[in-house]
Protein backbone atom coordinates (compact mmCIF):
# COMPACT_ATOMS: atom_id res chain seq x y z
CA UNK A 1 -0.37 10.36 0.79
CA UNK A 2 3.25 10.86 1.76
CA UNK A 3 4.63 14.39 2.22
CA UNK A 4 6.52 15.69 -0.81
CA UNK A 5 9.79 15.97 1.10
CA UNK A 6 9.51 12.36 2.24
CA UNK A 7 8.63 11.10 -1.25
CA UNK A 8 11.52 13.00 -2.83
CA UNK A 9 13.96 11.62 -0.27
CA UNK A 10 12.70 8.08 -0.84
CA UNK A 11 12.97 8.42 -4.63
CA UNK A 12 16.51 9.76 -4.28
CA UNK A 13 17.47 6.76 -2.14
CA UNK A 14 16.00 4.33 -4.66
CA UNK A 15 17.96 6.03 -7.45
CA UNK A 16 21.10 5.88 -5.31
CA UNK A 17 20.57 2.17 -4.63
CA UNK A 18 20.16 1.51 -8.38
CA UNK A 19 23.32 3.48 -9.18
CA UNK A 20 25.28 1.67 -6.48
CA UNK A 21 24.11 -1.70 -7.83
CA UNK A 22 25.15 -0.73 -11.37
CA UNK A 23 28.53 0.49 -10.08
CA UNK A 24 29.13 -2.80 -8.24
CA UNK A 25 28.23 -4.76 -11.37
CA UNK A 26 30.57 -2.66 -13.52
CA UNK A 27 33.40 -3.16 -11.03
CA UNK A 28 32.82 -6.92 -10.84
CA UNK A 29 32.61 -7.19 -14.63
CA UNK A 30 35.91 -5.35 -15.07
CA UNK A 31 37.55 -7.63 -12.51
CA UNK A 32 36.07 -10.71 -14.18
CA UNK A 33 37.37 -9.59 -17.59
CA UNK A 34 40.84 -9.16 -16.12
CA UNK A 35 40.82 -12.63 -14.54
CA UNK A 36 38.92 -14.43 -17.32
CA UNK A 37 39.79 -12.95 -20.75
CA UNK A 38 37.55 -15.51 -22.42
CA UNK A 39 34.53 -13.84 -20.79
CA UNK A 40 35.32 -10.58 -22.56
CA UNK A 41 35.63 -12.45 -25.84
CA UNK A 42 32.27 -14.13 -25.31
CA UNK A 43 30.52 -10.85 -24.52
CA UNK A 44 32.06 -9.25 -27.60
CA UNK A 45 30.94 -12.21 -29.73
CA UNK A 46 27.38 -12.05 -28.30
CA UNK A 47 27.14 -8.38 -29.19
CA UNK A 48 28.40 -9.27 -32.67
CA UNK A 49 25.66 -11.81 -33.35
CA UNK A 50 23.05 -9.10 -32.87
CA UNK A 51 24.82 -6.81 -35.31
CA UNK A 52 25.19 -9.62 -37.84
CA UNK A 53 21.49 -10.42 -37.60
CA UNK A 54 20.49 -6.82 -38.20
CA UNK A 55 22.85 -6.55 -41.15
CA UNK A 56 21.57 -9.77 -42.70
CA UNK A 57 17.97 -8.63 -42.53
CA UNK A 58 18.77 -5.15 -43.79
CA UNK A 59 20.94 -6.27 -46.71
CA UNK A 60 18.68 -9.26 -47.56
CA UNK A 61 21.66 -11.29 -48.71
CA UNK A 62 21.10 -15.01 -49.08
CA UNK A 63 18.33 -16.80 -47.18
CA UNK A 64 17.33 -14.65 -44.15
CA UNK A 65 15.55 -17.56 -42.50
CA UNK A 66 18.60 -19.81 -42.64
CA UNK A 67 20.87 -16.98 -41.48
CA UNK A 68 18.59 -16.15 -38.54
CA UNK A 69 18.57 -19.80 -37.50
CA UNK A 70 22.37 -20.03 -37.75
CA UNK A 71 22.88 -16.83 -35.72
CA UNK A 72 20.37 -17.99 -33.13
CA UNK A 73 22.21 -21.29 -32.73
CA UNK A 74 25.52 -19.46 -32.42
CA UNK A 75 24.05 -17.08 -29.84
CA UNK A 76 22.71 -19.97 -27.74
CA UNK A 77 26.09 -21.73 -27.87
CA UNK A 78 27.90 -18.57 -26.74
CA UNK A 79 25.40 -18.00 -23.92
CA UNK A 80 25.82 -21.57 -22.70
CA UNK A 81 29.61 -21.24 -22.68
CA UNK A 82 29.31 -17.92 -20.83
CA UNK A 83 27.03 -19.39 -18.15
CA UNK A 84 29.36 -22.34 -17.63
CA UNK A 85 32.38 -20.05 -17.33
CA UNK A 86 30.64 -17.83 -14.75
CA UNK A 87 29.41 -20.83 -12.74
CA UNK A 88 32.82 -22.48 -12.58
CA UNK A 89 35.14 -19.47 -12.32
CA UNK A 90 33.23 -16.82 -10.35
CA UNK A 91 31.41 -16.69 -6.96
CA UNK A 92 27.63 -17.08 -6.97
CA UNK A 93 25.88 -13.83 -7.84
CA UNK A 94 29.14 -12.07 -8.68
CA UNK A 95 27.80 -10.85 -12.04
CA UNK A 96 24.21 -10.25 -10.97
CA UNK A 97 22.95 -7.48 -13.24
CA UNK A 98 19.28 -7.67 -12.26
CA UNK A 99 17.55 -4.36 -11.40
CA UNK A 100 17.46 -3.14 -7.80
CA UNK A 101 13.80 -4.23 -7.67
CA UNK A 102 12.42 -7.08 -9.76
CA UNK A 103 8.85 -5.77 -9.56
CA UNK A 104 9.34 -2.21 -10.82
CA UNK A 105 12.80 -2.38 -12.38
CA UNK A 106 13.99 0.36 -10.03
CA UNK A 107 11.44 2.98 -11.15
CA UNK A 108 9.46 2.86 -7.89
CA UNK A 109 6.15 2.25 -9.64
CA UNK A 110 4.29 -0.70 -11.13
CA UNK A 111 2.02 1.04 -13.58
CA UNK A 112 0.45 3.86 -11.60
CA UNK A 113 0.83 2.02 -8.27
CA UNK A 114 3.71 2.78 -5.93
CA UNK A 115 5.96 -0.26 -5.67
CA UNK A 116 6.58 -1.92 -2.31
CA UNK A 117 10.27 -0.99 -2.53
CA UNK A 118 9.52 2.74 -2.74
CA UNK A 119 6.78 2.39 -0.11
CA UNK A 120 9.31 0.93 2.32
CA UNK A 121 11.76 3.76 1.64
CA UNK A 122 8.98 6.30 2.21
CA UNK A 123 8.16 4.77 5.58
CA UNK A 124 11.85 4.82 6.52
CA UNK A 125 12.31 8.46 5.46
CA UNK A 126 9.14 9.56 7.25
CA UNK A 127 10.13 7.82 10.48
CA UNK A 128 13.51 9.56 10.34
CA UNK A 129 11.84 12.95 9.84
CA UNK A 130 9.44 12.42 12.73
CA UNK A 131 12.11 10.97 15.03
CA UNK A 132 14.34 13.99 14.47
CA UNK A 133 11.65 16.25 15.96
CA UNK A 134 11.05 14.20 19.12
CA UNK A 135 12.86 14.07 22.47
CA UNK A 136 14.33 10.58 21.97
CA UNK A 137 13.17 9.63 18.48
CA UNK A 138 12.30 6.14 19.79
CA UNK A 139 8.92 6.74 21.43
CA UNK A 140 6.61 3.71 21.42
CA UNK A 141 3.48 2.60 23.27
CA UNK A 142 5.49 -0.10 25.04
CA UNK A 143 7.58 2.60 26.76
CA UNK A 144 4.58 4.49 28.12
CA UNK A 145 4.59 4.10 31.91
CA UNK A 146 1.39 4.51 33.91
CA UNK A 147 3.30 4.37 37.20
CA UNK A 148 4.24 8.07 36.92
CA UNK A 149 0.57 9.09 37.10
CA UNK A 150 -0.92 9.53 40.59
CA UNK A 151 -3.62 7.19 41.74
CA UNK A 152 -5.45 9.94 43.61
CA UNK A 153 -9.05 10.75 42.71
CA UNK A 154 -9.95 13.84 40.62
CA UNK A 155 -13.56 14.76 41.53
CA UNK A 156 -14.14 16.86 38.39
CA UNK A 157 -13.33 13.89 36.14
CA UNK A 158 -14.69 11.23 38.51
CA UNK A 159 -11.54 9.14 38.12
CA UNK A 160 -7.87 9.02 39.04
CA UNK A 161 -5.14 10.25 36.75
CA UNK A 162 -3.76 6.74 36.38
CA UNK A 163 -7.10 5.24 35.41
CA UNK A 164 -7.76 8.04 32.93
CA UNK A 165 -4.33 7.66 31.35
CA UNK A 166 -4.83 3.89 31.10
CA UNK A 167 -8.01 4.60 29.18
CA UNK A 168 -6.21 7.16 27.00
CA UNK A 169 -3.36 4.73 26.28
CA UNK A 170 -5.77 1.97 25.25
CA UNK A 171 -7.68 4.35 23.01
CA UNK A 172 -4.54 5.70 21.31
CA UNK A 173 -3.18 2.20 20.67
CA UNK A 174 -6.47 1.13 19.09
CA UNK A 175 -6.69 4.40 17.13
CA UNK A 176 -3.21 3.94 15.64
CA UNK A 177 -3.74 0.25 14.89
CA UNK A 178 -7.01 0.92 13.06
CA UNK A 179 -6.17 4.30 11.52
CA UNK A 180 -7.55 5.03 8.07
CA UNK A 181 -7.55 8.34 6.16
CA UNK A 182 -10.56 10.34 7.29
CA UNK A 183 -10.47 8.98 10.85
CA UNK A 184 -11.82 11.32 13.51
CA UNK A 185 -9.46 14.13 14.52
CA UNK A 186 -8.13 14.28 18.08
CA UNK A 187 -7.46 17.08 20.56
CA UNK A 188 -5.04 16.28 23.39
CA UNK A 189 -5.65 18.75 26.22
CA UNK A 190 -3.73 18.97 29.48
CA UNK A 191 -0.97 20.68 31.40
CA UNK A 192 2.71 20.55 30.47
CA UNK A 193 4.59 17.29 30.92
CA UNK A 194 1.68 14.84 30.98
CA UNK A 195 2.61 12.75 27.93
CA UNK A 196 0.73 14.50 25.12
CA UNK A 197 3.77 14.74 22.86
CA UNK A 198 4.82 11.19 23.74
CA UNK A 199 1.48 9.63 22.78
CA UNK A 200 1.32 11.81 19.66
CA UNK A 201 4.72 10.43 18.66
CA UNK A 202 3.59 6.86 19.32
CA UNK A 203 0.59 7.35 17.03
CA UNK A 204 2.79 8.98 14.38
CA UNK A 205 5.23 6.06 14.44
CA UNK A 206 2.60 3.33 14.14
CA UNK A 207 0.54 5.14 11.50
CA UNK A 208 3.74 5.66 9.49
CA UNK A 209 4.69 1.99 9.80
CA UNK A 210 1.25 1.10 8.47
CA UNK A 211 2.00 3.05 5.29
CA UNK A 212 0.17 6.36 5.75
CA UNK A 213 1.52 9.87 5.23
CA UNK A 214 2.16 11.75 8.48
CA UNK A 215 3.38 15.32 9.00
CA UNK A 216 4.52 16.16 12.53
CA UNK A 217 5.15 19.82 13.33
CA UNK A 218 5.05 22.17 16.28
CA UNK A 219 2.48 24.95 16.06
CA UNK A 220 5.32 27.47 15.87
CA UNK A 221 6.84 25.70 12.84
CA UNK A 222 3.53 25.52 10.98
CA UNK A 223 2.72 29.20 11.55
CA UNK A 224 6.26 30.16 10.56
CA UNK A 225 5.93 28.23 7.29
CA UNK A 226 2.61 29.89 6.48
CA UNK A 227 4.10 33.30 7.27
CA UNK A 228 7.08 32.63 4.98
CA UNK A 229 4.74 31.84 2.09
CA UNK A 230 2.60 34.88 2.81
CA UNK A 231 5.60 37.21 2.62
CA UNK A 232 7.06 35.32 -0.38
CA UNK A 233 10.09 34.01 1.47
CA UNK A 234 9.04 30.49 0.45
CA UNK A 235 7.12 28.85 -2.40
CA UNK A 236 3.42 27.97 -1.91
CA UNK A 237 4.33 24.29 -2.37
CA UNK A 238 5.84 24.50 1.12
CA UNK A 239 2.33 24.24 2.57
CA UNK A 240 1.15 21.36 0.40
CA UNK A 241 2.23 18.68 2.86
CA UNK A 242 0.16 20.26 5.65
CA UNK A 243 -2.90 20.11 3.39
CA UNK A 244 -2.51 16.72 1.76
CA UNK A 245 -1.06 14.36 4.39
CA UNK A 246 -3.22 11.58 5.81
CA UNK A 247 -2.48 12.68 9.38
CA UNK A 248 -1.29 16.12 10.47
CA UNK A 249 0.03 16.26 14.04
CA UNK A 250 0.22 19.79 15.42
CA UNK A 251 2.08 19.85 18.72
CA UNK A 252 2.16 22.52 21.43
CA UNK A 253 -0.67 24.71 20.21
CA UNK A 254 -0.83 27.73 22.49
CA UNK A 255 2.91 28.18 23.01
CA UNK A 256 3.22 30.49 19.98
CA UNK A 257 2.75 34.25 20.02
CA UNK A 258 -0.90 34.64 19.07
CA UNK A 259 -1.62 37.25 16.40
CA UNK A 260 -4.46 37.83 13.95
CA UNK A 261 -2.39 36.04 11.33
CA UNK A 262 -1.94 33.01 13.62
CA UNK A 263 -5.69 32.87 14.35
CA UNK A 264 -6.55 33.13 10.64
CA UNK A 265 -4.00 30.45 9.75
CA UNK A 266 -5.22 28.09 12.44
CA UNK A 267 -8.80 28.52 11.23
CA UNK A 268 -7.72 27.76 7.65
CA UNK A 269 -5.83 24.62 8.68
CA UNK A 270 -8.56 23.28 10.97
CA UNK A 271 -11.48 24.15 8.72
CA UNK A 272 -9.94 23.09 5.40
CA UNK A 273 -8.86 19.72 6.73
CA UNK A 274 -12.28 19.09 8.27
CA UNK A 275 -13.97 19.92 4.96
CA UNK A 276 -11.54 17.69 3.08
CA UNK A 277 -12.09 14.91 5.66
CA UNK A 278 -8.41 14.92 6.55
CA UNK A 279 -7.37 13.79 10.01
CA UNK A 280 -5.60 16.15 12.41
CA UNK A 281 -4.22 15.59 15.90
CA UNK A 282 -3.63 18.73 17.97
CA UNK A 283 -2.01 18.82 21.40
CA UNK A 284 -2.32 21.85 23.63
CA UNK A 285 -1.85 23.02 27.20
CA UNK A 286 -5.03 25.07 26.88
CA UNK A 287 -8.44 24.04 28.17
CA UNK A 288 -11.72 24.71 26.37
CA UNK A 289 -12.18 28.18 27.86
CA UNK A 290 -8.58 29.13 27.05
CA UNK A 291 -9.00 28.00 23.44
CA UNK A 292 -12.02 30.22 22.97
CA UNK A 293 -10.40 33.18 24.70
CA UNK A 294 -7.26 32.94 22.58
CA UNK A 295 -8.55 31.84 19.17
CA UNK A 296 -12.21 32.79 19.19
CA UNK A 297 -15.49 30.90 19.23
CA UNK A 298 -15.35 29.62 15.64
CA UNK A 299 -12.11 27.74 16.12
CA UNK A 300 -12.96 26.56 19.62
CA UNK A 301 -16.34 25.19 18.50
CA UNK A 302 -14.75 23.25 15.66
CA UNK A 303 -12.08 21.78 17.91
CA UNK A 304 -14.46 20.85 20.71
CA UNK A 305 -17.35 19.85 18.48
CA UNK A 306 -15.63 18.00 15.63
CA UNK A 307 -12.56 16.56 17.37
CA UNK A 308 -12.53 13.89 20.04
CA UNK A 309 -11.13 15.61 23.13
CA UNK A 310 -8.74 13.52 25.22
CA UNK A 311 -7.88 14.98 28.62
CA UNK A 312 -4.52 14.42 30.30
CA UNK A 313 -4.24 14.51 34.11
CA UNK A 314 -1.43 14.11 36.61
CA UNK A 315 1.81 15.74 37.68
CA UNK A 316 4.57 16.90 35.34
CA UNK A 317 6.30 13.65 34.32
CA UNK A 318 9.54 15.39 33.46
CA UNK A 319 9.99 16.60 37.06
CA UNK A 320 9.77 13.01 38.27
CA UNK A 321 12.53 11.76 36.03
CA UNK A 322 16.03 11.57 37.59
């Protein structure tokens, strides 16, 4: 399910595309009338045959069957002349008045199903929203470099940082490629500058491109939105996207000022999405003990017990960049 803001933006773009197409057609038609006066006459005559037919049936004068046949023959003759005039006097497609989408007619829906045209616009709008929140907006798995992670051994994890991050990269690529609503939630845990936000963004991009609804927010932004609703500075609908999206990515948990309200909100988000079988990805600089100390045992147990914990090791990547 796409976030409401994304869906509204996509619908607005589809409407704009339809209006632009109608405006181009109107402009071309006016130009064609100016250059080919006979075309205007033909269109006026075609409209007249319809009016004559309606009048004949309504007034019941003469033989309606014969009149209908005569008007039909006249209409076909006018249409044939119009097609020939357009083909010989105007560029191909110059007077294309088909809807912006042949499948849905520009409504965005085929029955109750979202049309592919609106689906594509939703993906585009969602990628733009996510990209605007990220360092470069172009993060992808192909750009993830393992060379920045040290090859030294970490006894506690029985592996090197590079080997662990290779494993993490492989897992995240597979997770994004196979993502389905209700997939297991993830907890990225590790120090600052180890690639948690980058891999989160890579997952967000691929899951979006596969047609699922993704909301990407920092912890500070989410808590601020919940606080605005609580104190009636915003409408409750503001929070709907956090609850309904297929994948909620909550970045930088632990960097916010922790209050009772923050703890209660975090519990609501984590617990409600687990109960609704909604997938959440949380990244944090905190380890398991820090999570419990800051947010309490209930939240920590849900994160550690119900999420798959992915540990990040190494040295701050950002300090290694020129």
